[in-house]
C-alpha cells in the first residue's frame, strides 16, 4: 500500500524543465501556486490551485489536502514555495517538489 522507498521527506528542489516534465508524467500530482491572488491573476501555470501563503487560513487549507498526493509548489522566485513545502513535510506530507527558481524561470505559457 505504501511505497515510500524513494521518499526522503524533504522538499525536493527542481529546475523548471525537470519540474514541468515530472508534473506532466505524474498522475497523482497537484500543482500549488502559493503566491497572492494578484500575482496569480497576473499569470500562473495552467492547472494550478491557489493557496496564498500570506493568508491566515494557509495552514488550514494545507491541512485539508490529501497527504497521499504528490505536490508541486511554486511562487515568484522559489523562496515562499520552499518554506511552504517545508511546512507541508512537517504536517506529514510525503512528496513535495519545489520549482527552485520560481515562475521567473518558467519557460512555458502562463494562464491569466
N, C-alpha and C. Protein backbone atom coordinates (compact mmCIF):
# COMPACT_ATOMS: atom_id res chain seq x y z
N UNK A 1 0.83 -1.21 0.00
CA UNK A 1 0.00 0.00 0.00
C UNK A 1 0.86 1.26 0.00
N UNK A 2 1.81 1.31 0.92
CA UNK A 2 2.69 2.48 0.97
C UNK A 2 4.03 2.16 0.33
N UNK A 3 4.35 2.85 -0.75
CA UNK A 3 5.64 2.64 -1.40
C UNK A 3 6.47 3.90 -1.19
N UNK A 4 7.05 4.01 -0.01
CA UNK A 4 7.81 5.21 0.33
C UNK A 4 9.31 4.99 0.18
N UNK A 5 9.69 4.11 -0.74
CA UNK A 5 11.10 3.77 -0.88
C UNK A 5 11.94 4.96 -1.36
N UNK A 6 11.37 5.76 -2.26
CA UNK A 6 12.16 6.88 -2.80
C UNK A 6 11.81 8.20 -2.12
N UNK A 7 11.16 8.13 -0.98
CA UNK A 7 10.72 9.34 -0.29
C UNK A 7 11.72 9.71 0.80
N UNK A 8 12.22 10.92 0.70
CA UNK A 8 13.20 11.38 1.68
C UNK A 8 12.57 12.25 2.75
N UNK A 9 11.28 12.61 2.55
CA UNK A 9 10.58 13.51 3.46
C UNK A 9 11.29 14.86 3.61
N UNK A 10 11.80 15.33 2.49
CA UNK A 10 12.31 16.69 2.42
C UNK A 10 11.74 17.30 1.14
N UNK A 11 11.80 18.61 1.06
CA UNK A 11 11.34 19.29 -0.15
C UNK A 11 12.42 19.09 -1.21
N UNK A 12 12.01 18.65 -2.39
CA UNK A 12 12.95 18.42 -3.49
C UNK A 12 12.90 19.62 -4.43
N UNK A 13 14.02 20.32 -4.57
CA UNK A 13 14.11 21.45 -5.48
C UNK A 13 14.38 20.96 -6.90
N UNK A 14 13.60 21.47 -7.85
CA UNK A 14 13.77 21.10 -9.25
C UNK A 14 13.88 22.35 -10.11
N UNK A 15 14.65 22.25 -11.21
CA UNK A 15 14.66 23.36 -12.17
C UNK A 15 13.37 23.28 -12.99
N UNK A 16 13.10 24.32 -13.77
CA UNK A 16 11.79 24.40 -14.43
C UNK A 16 11.55 23.25 -15.41
N UNK A 17 12.58 22.81 -16.14
CA UNK A 17 12.40 21.71 -17.09
C UNK A 17 12.03 20.41 -16.36
N UNK A 18 12.77 20.08 -15.30
CA UNK A 18 12.51 18.86 -14.53
C UNK A 18 11.14 18.93 -13.87
N UNK A 19 10.83 20.11 -13.33
CA UNK A 19 9.55 20.33 -12.65
C UNK A 19 8.40 20.07 -13.62
N UNK A 20 8.48 20.67 -14.81
CA UNK A 20 7.42 20.54 -15.82
C UNK A 20 7.28 19.08 -16.27
N UNK A 21 8.40 18.43 -16.54
CA UNK A 21 8.36 17.06 -17.03
C UNK A 21 7.82 16.11 -15.97
N UNK A 22 8.30 16.25 -14.75
CA UNK A 22 7.87 15.38 -13.65
C UNK A 22 6.37 15.56 -13.39
N UNK A 23 5.92 16.83 -13.36
CA UNK A 23 4.50 17.11 -13.13
C UNK A 23 3.62 16.48 -14.22
N UNK A 24 4.04 16.68 -15.47
CA UNK A 24 3.27 16.15 -16.60
C UNK A 24 3.13 14.63 -16.56
N UNK A 25 4.15 13.96 -16.06
CA UNK A 25 4.15 12.49 -16.06
C UNK A 25 3.68 11.90 -14.74
N UNK A 26 3.15 12.73 -13.86
CA UNK A 26 2.73 12.27 -12.54
C UNK A 26 1.21 12.28 -12.46
N UNK A 27 0.60 11.10 -12.47
CA UNK A 27 -0.87 11.02 -12.46
C UNK A 27 -1.44 11.34 -11.08
N UNK A 28 -0.57 11.47 -10.10
CA UNK A 28 -1.00 11.73 -8.72
C UNK A 28 -0.61 13.15 -8.27
N UNK A 29 -0.43 14.04 -9.24
CA UNK A 29 0.13 15.36 -8.96
C UNK A 29 -0.92 16.43 -8.68
N UNK A 30 -0.58 17.32 -7.75
CA UNK A 30 -1.35 18.54 -7.51
C UNK A 30 -0.36 19.69 -7.60
N UNK A 31 -0.72 20.71 -8.41
CA UNK A 31 0.14 21.87 -8.61
C UNK A 31 -0.39 23.03 -7.77
N UNK A 32 0.45 23.53 -6.85
CA UNK A 32 0.03 24.62 -5.96
C UNK A 32 0.82 25.90 -6.23
N UNK A 33 0.08 26.97 -6.45
CA UNK A 33 0.65 28.31 -6.54
C UNK A 33 0.41 28.95 -5.17
N UNK A 34 1.47 29.29 -4.46
CA UNK A 34 1.26 29.79 -3.11
C UNK A 34 1.48 31.32 -3.04
N UNK A 35 1.38 31.98 -4.19
CA UNK A 35 1.51 33.44 -4.23
C UNK A 35 0.18 34.10 -3.86
N UNK A 36 0.14 35.42 -4.00
CA UNK A 36 -1.09 36.16 -3.72
C UNK A 36 -2.04 36.05 -4.91
N UNK A 37 -3.30 36.39 -4.68
CA UNK A 37 -4.30 36.38 -5.75
C UNK A 37 -3.90 37.32 -6.88
N UNK A 38 -3.35 38.49 -6.55
CA UNK A 38 -2.92 39.44 -7.57
C UNK A 38 -1.84 38.83 -8.45
N UNK A 39 -0.86 38.16 -7.81
CA UNK A 39 0.20 37.51 -8.58
C UNK A 39 -0.38 36.40 -9.46
N UNK A 40 -1.27 35.61 -8.88
CA UNK A 40 -1.91 34.50 -9.59
C UNK A 40 -2.64 35.02 -10.83
N UNK A 41 -3.40 36.11 -10.64
CA UNK A 41 -4.19 36.68 -11.74
C UNK A 41 -3.31 37.28 -12.83
N UNK A 42 -2.09 37.66 -12.49
CA UNK A 42 -1.20 38.26 -13.49
C UNK A 42 -0.55 37.19 -14.37
N UNK A 43 -0.73 35.93 -14.01
CA UNK A 43 -0.21 34.83 -14.83
C UNK A 43 0.21 33.67 -13.95
N UNK A 44 -0.33 32.48 -14.23
CA UNK A 44 0.01 31.30 -13.44
C UNK A 44 0.17 30.09 -14.35
N UNK A 45 0.81 29.05 -13.83
CA UNK A 45 0.99 27.82 -14.59
C UNK A 45 -0.38 27.13 -14.71
N UNK A 46 -0.76 26.71 -15.92
CA UNK A 46 -2.06 26.06 -16.11
C UNK A 46 -2.28 24.90 -15.13
N UNK A 47 -3.51 24.75 -14.69
CA UNK A 47 -3.95 23.67 -13.78
C UNK A 47 -3.48 23.85 -12.34
N UNK A 48 -2.97 25.02 -12.00
CA UNK A 48 -2.53 25.19 -10.62
C UNK A 48 -3.65 25.70 -9.74
N UNK A 49 -3.56 25.31 -8.48
CA UNK A 49 -4.54 25.69 -7.46
C UNK A 49 -3.86 26.74 -6.58
N UNK A 50 -4.57 27.83 -6.29
CA UNK A 50 -4.00 28.91 -5.49
C UNK A 50 -4.27 28.71 -4.01
N UNK A 51 -3.19 28.71 -3.21
CA UNK A 51 -3.31 28.77 -1.75
C UNK A 51 -2.28 29.80 -1.29
N UNK A 52 -2.74 31.00 -0.98
CA UNK A 52 -1.86 32.12 -0.63
C UNK A 52 -1.18 31.90 0.73
N UNK A 53 0.14 31.81 0.70
CA UNK A 53 0.90 31.56 1.93
C UNK A 53 0.76 32.70 2.94
N UNK A 54 0.41 33.90 2.47
CA UNK A 54 0.31 35.05 3.38
C UNK A 54 -1.02 35.11 4.13
N UNK A 55 -2.01 34.35 3.69
CA UNK A 55 -3.30 34.40 4.37
C UNK A 55 -3.27 33.60 5.66
N UNK A 56 -3.98 34.06 6.69
CA UNK A 56 -4.01 33.32 7.96
C UNK A 56 -4.63 31.94 7.83
N UNK A 57 -5.41 31.72 6.77
CA UNK A 57 -6.06 30.42 6.55
C UNK A 57 -5.12 29.40 5.89
N UNK A 58 -3.91 29.82 5.55
CA UNK A 58 -2.98 28.93 4.83
C UNK A 58 -2.81 27.57 5.52
N UNK A 59 -2.48 27.51 6.82
CA UNK A 59 -2.30 26.19 7.46
C UNK A 59 -3.55 25.32 7.39
N UNK A 60 -4.74 25.94 7.54
CA UNK A 60 -5.99 25.18 7.47
C UNK A 60 -6.21 24.61 6.08
N UNK A 61 -5.95 25.43 5.06
CA UNK A 61 -6.14 24.98 3.68
C UNK A 61 -5.17 23.83 3.35
N UNK A 62 -3.95 23.93 3.85
CA UNK A 62 -2.96 22.87 3.63
C UNK A 62 -3.42 21.58 4.33
N UNK A 63 -3.93 21.71 5.55
CA UNK A 63 -4.33 20.52 6.31
C UNK A 63 -5.51 19.79 5.67
N UNK A 64 -6.27 20.49 4.81
CA UNK A 64 -7.41 19.86 4.12
C UNK A 64 -6.97 19.03 2.91
N UNK A 65 -5.74 19.18 2.49
CA UNK A 65 -5.27 18.49 1.28
C UNK A 65 -5.00 17.02 1.55
N UNK A 66 -5.06 16.22 0.50
CA UNK A 66 -4.83 14.78 0.57
C UNK A 66 -3.33 14.50 0.67
N UNK A 67 -2.91 13.92 1.77
CA UNK A 67 -1.48 13.67 2.00
C UNK A 67 -0.91 12.57 1.10
N UNK A 68 -1.80 11.82 0.42
CA UNK A 68 -1.32 10.75 -0.47
C UNK A 68 -0.95 11.27 -1.87
N UNK A 69 -1.24 12.52 -2.13
CA UNK A 69 -0.93 13.11 -3.44
C UNK A 69 0.52 13.61 -3.46
N UNK A 70 1.02 13.89 -4.67
CA UNK A 70 2.35 14.48 -4.84
C UNK A 70 2.15 15.96 -5.16
N UNK A 71 2.81 16.81 -4.40
CA UNK A 71 2.60 18.26 -4.53
C UNK A 71 3.77 18.94 -5.22
N UNK A 72 3.40 19.83 -6.16
CA UNK A 72 4.37 20.62 -6.92
C UNK A 72 4.07 22.07 -6.58
N UNK A 73 4.99 22.73 -5.90
CA UNK A 73 4.76 24.09 -5.41
C UNK A 73 5.60 25.10 -6.17
N UNK A 74 5.03 26.28 -6.36
CA UNK A 74 5.82 27.36 -6.92
C UNK A 74 5.34 28.71 -6.41
N UNK A 75 6.24 29.69 -6.50
CA UNK A 75 5.91 31.09 -6.20
C UNK A 75 6.67 31.93 -7.22
N UNK A 76 7.02 33.15 -6.87
CA UNK A 76 7.70 34.02 -7.84
C UNK A 76 9.15 33.58 -8.04
N UNK A 77 9.87 33.35 -6.94
CA UNK A 77 11.30 33.07 -7.05
C UNK A 77 11.73 31.74 -6.43
N UNK A 78 10.79 31.01 -5.82
CA UNK A 78 11.13 29.72 -5.23
C UNK A 78 11.31 29.75 -3.73
N UNK A 79 11.31 30.94 -3.13
CA UNK A 79 11.56 31.08 -1.70
C UNK A 79 10.33 30.74 -0.86
N UNK A 80 9.22 31.42 -1.13
CA UNK A 80 7.98 31.15 -0.38
C UNK A 80 7.53 29.70 -0.55
N UNK A 81 7.63 29.20 -1.79
CA UNK A 81 7.16 27.84 -2.05
C UNK A 81 8.04 26.81 -1.33
N UNK A 82 9.33 27.11 -1.20
CA UNK A 82 10.20 26.20 -0.46
C UNK A 82 9.75 26.14 1.01
N UNK A 83 9.51 27.31 1.60
CA UNK A 83 9.08 27.35 3.01
C UNK A 83 7.71 26.69 3.19
N UNK A 84 6.82 26.88 2.21
CA UNK A 84 5.52 26.21 2.26
C UNK A 84 5.70 24.70 2.20
N UNK A 85 6.64 24.25 1.38
CA UNK A 85 6.93 22.83 1.25
C UNK A 85 7.46 22.24 2.55
N UNK A 86 8.36 22.97 3.20
CA UNK A 86 8.90 22.52 4.49
C UNK A 86 7.76 22.37 5.50
N UNK A 87 6.85 23.35 5.51
CA UNK A 87 5.69 23.29 6.39
C UNK A 87 4.86 22.03 6.09
N UNK A 88 4.65 21.75 4.79
CA UNK A 88 3.85 20.58 4.40
C UNK A 88 4.51 19.28 4.86
N UNK A 89 5.82 19.17 4.70
CA UNK A 89 6.55 17.98 5.16
C UNK A 89 6.35 17.82 6.68
N UNK A 90 6.44 18.93 7.40
CA UNK A 90 6.24 18.89 8.86
C UNK A 90 4.83 18.43 9.22
N UNK A 91 3.87 18.70 8.33
CA UNK A 91 2.48 18.31 8.57
C UNK A 91 2.21 16.87 8.14
N UNK A 92 3.22 16.18 7.65
CA UNK A 92 3.05 14.77 7.31
C UNK A 92 2.89 14.46 5.83
N UNK A 93 3.05 15.48 4.97
CA UNK A 93 3.01 15.22 3.53
C UNK A 93 4.31 14.52 3.15
N UNK A 94 4.21 13.57 2.20
CA UNK A 94 5.36 12.73 1.87
C UNK A 94 6.18 13.28 0.70
N UNK A 95 5.47 13.76 -0.33
CA UNK A 95 6.15 14.09 -1.58
C UNK A 95 5.86 15.53 -1.98
N UNK A 96 6.87 16.39 -1.84
CA UNK A 96 6.72 17.81 -2.15
C UNK A 96 7.90 18.25 -3.01
N UNK A 97 7.56 18.80 -4.19
CA UNK A 97 8.58 19.33 -5.10
C UNK A 97 8.44 20.84 -5.15
N UNK A 98 9.57 21.52 -5.25
CA UNK A 98 9.58 22.98 -5.32
C UNK A 98 10.21 23.42 -6.64
N UNK A 99 9.55 24.37 -7.32
CA UNK A 99 10.14 24.98 -8.51
C UNK A 99 11.20 25.95 -8.00
N UNK A 100 12.46 25.49 -8.01
CA UNK A 100 13.55 26.14 -7.28
C UNK A 100 13.74 27.61 -7.63
N UNK A 101 13.62 27.96 -8.89
CA UNK A 101 13.84 29.37 -9.25
C UNK A 101 12.53 30.08 -9.56
N UNK A 102 11.43 29.44 -9.19
CA UNK A 102 10.13 30.10 -9.27
C UNK A 102 9.61 30.31 -10.68
N UNK A 103 8.49 31.01 -10.74
CA UNK A 103 7.82 31.27 -12.01
C UNK A 103 8.67 32.21 -12.89
N UNK A 104 9.63 32.92 -12.27
CA UNK A 104 10.54 33.78 -13.04
C UNK A 104 11.32 32.96 -14.06
N UNK A 105 11.54 31.67 -13.77
CA UNK A 105 12.33 30.80 -14.63
C UNK A 105 11.46 29.84 -15.44
N UNK A 106 10.15 30.08 -15.46
CA UNK A 106 9.23 29.21 -16.18
C UNK A 106 9.20 29.61 -17.63
N UNK A 107 9.43 28.65 -18.54
CA UNK A 107 9.56 28.99 -19.96
C UNK A 107 8.34 28.64 -20.78
N UNK A 108 7.31 28.10 -20.14
CA UNK A 108 6.12 27.69 -20.86
C UNK A 108 5.02 28.74 -20.71
N UNK A 109 3.97 28.66 -21.54
CA UNK A 109 2.90 29.66 -21.47
C UNK A 109 2.21 29.69 -20.12
N UNK A 110 1.80 30.87 -19.70
CA UNK A 110 1.06 31.03 -18.46
C UNK A 110 -0.39 31.32 -18.78
N UNK A 111 -1.26 31.00 -17.83
CA UNK A 111 -2.69 31.32 -17.94
C UNK A 111 -2.96 32.60 -17.18
N UNK A 112 -3.94 33.37 -17.66
CA UNK A 112 -4.36 34.57 -16.92
C UNK A 112 -5.83 34.48 -16.62
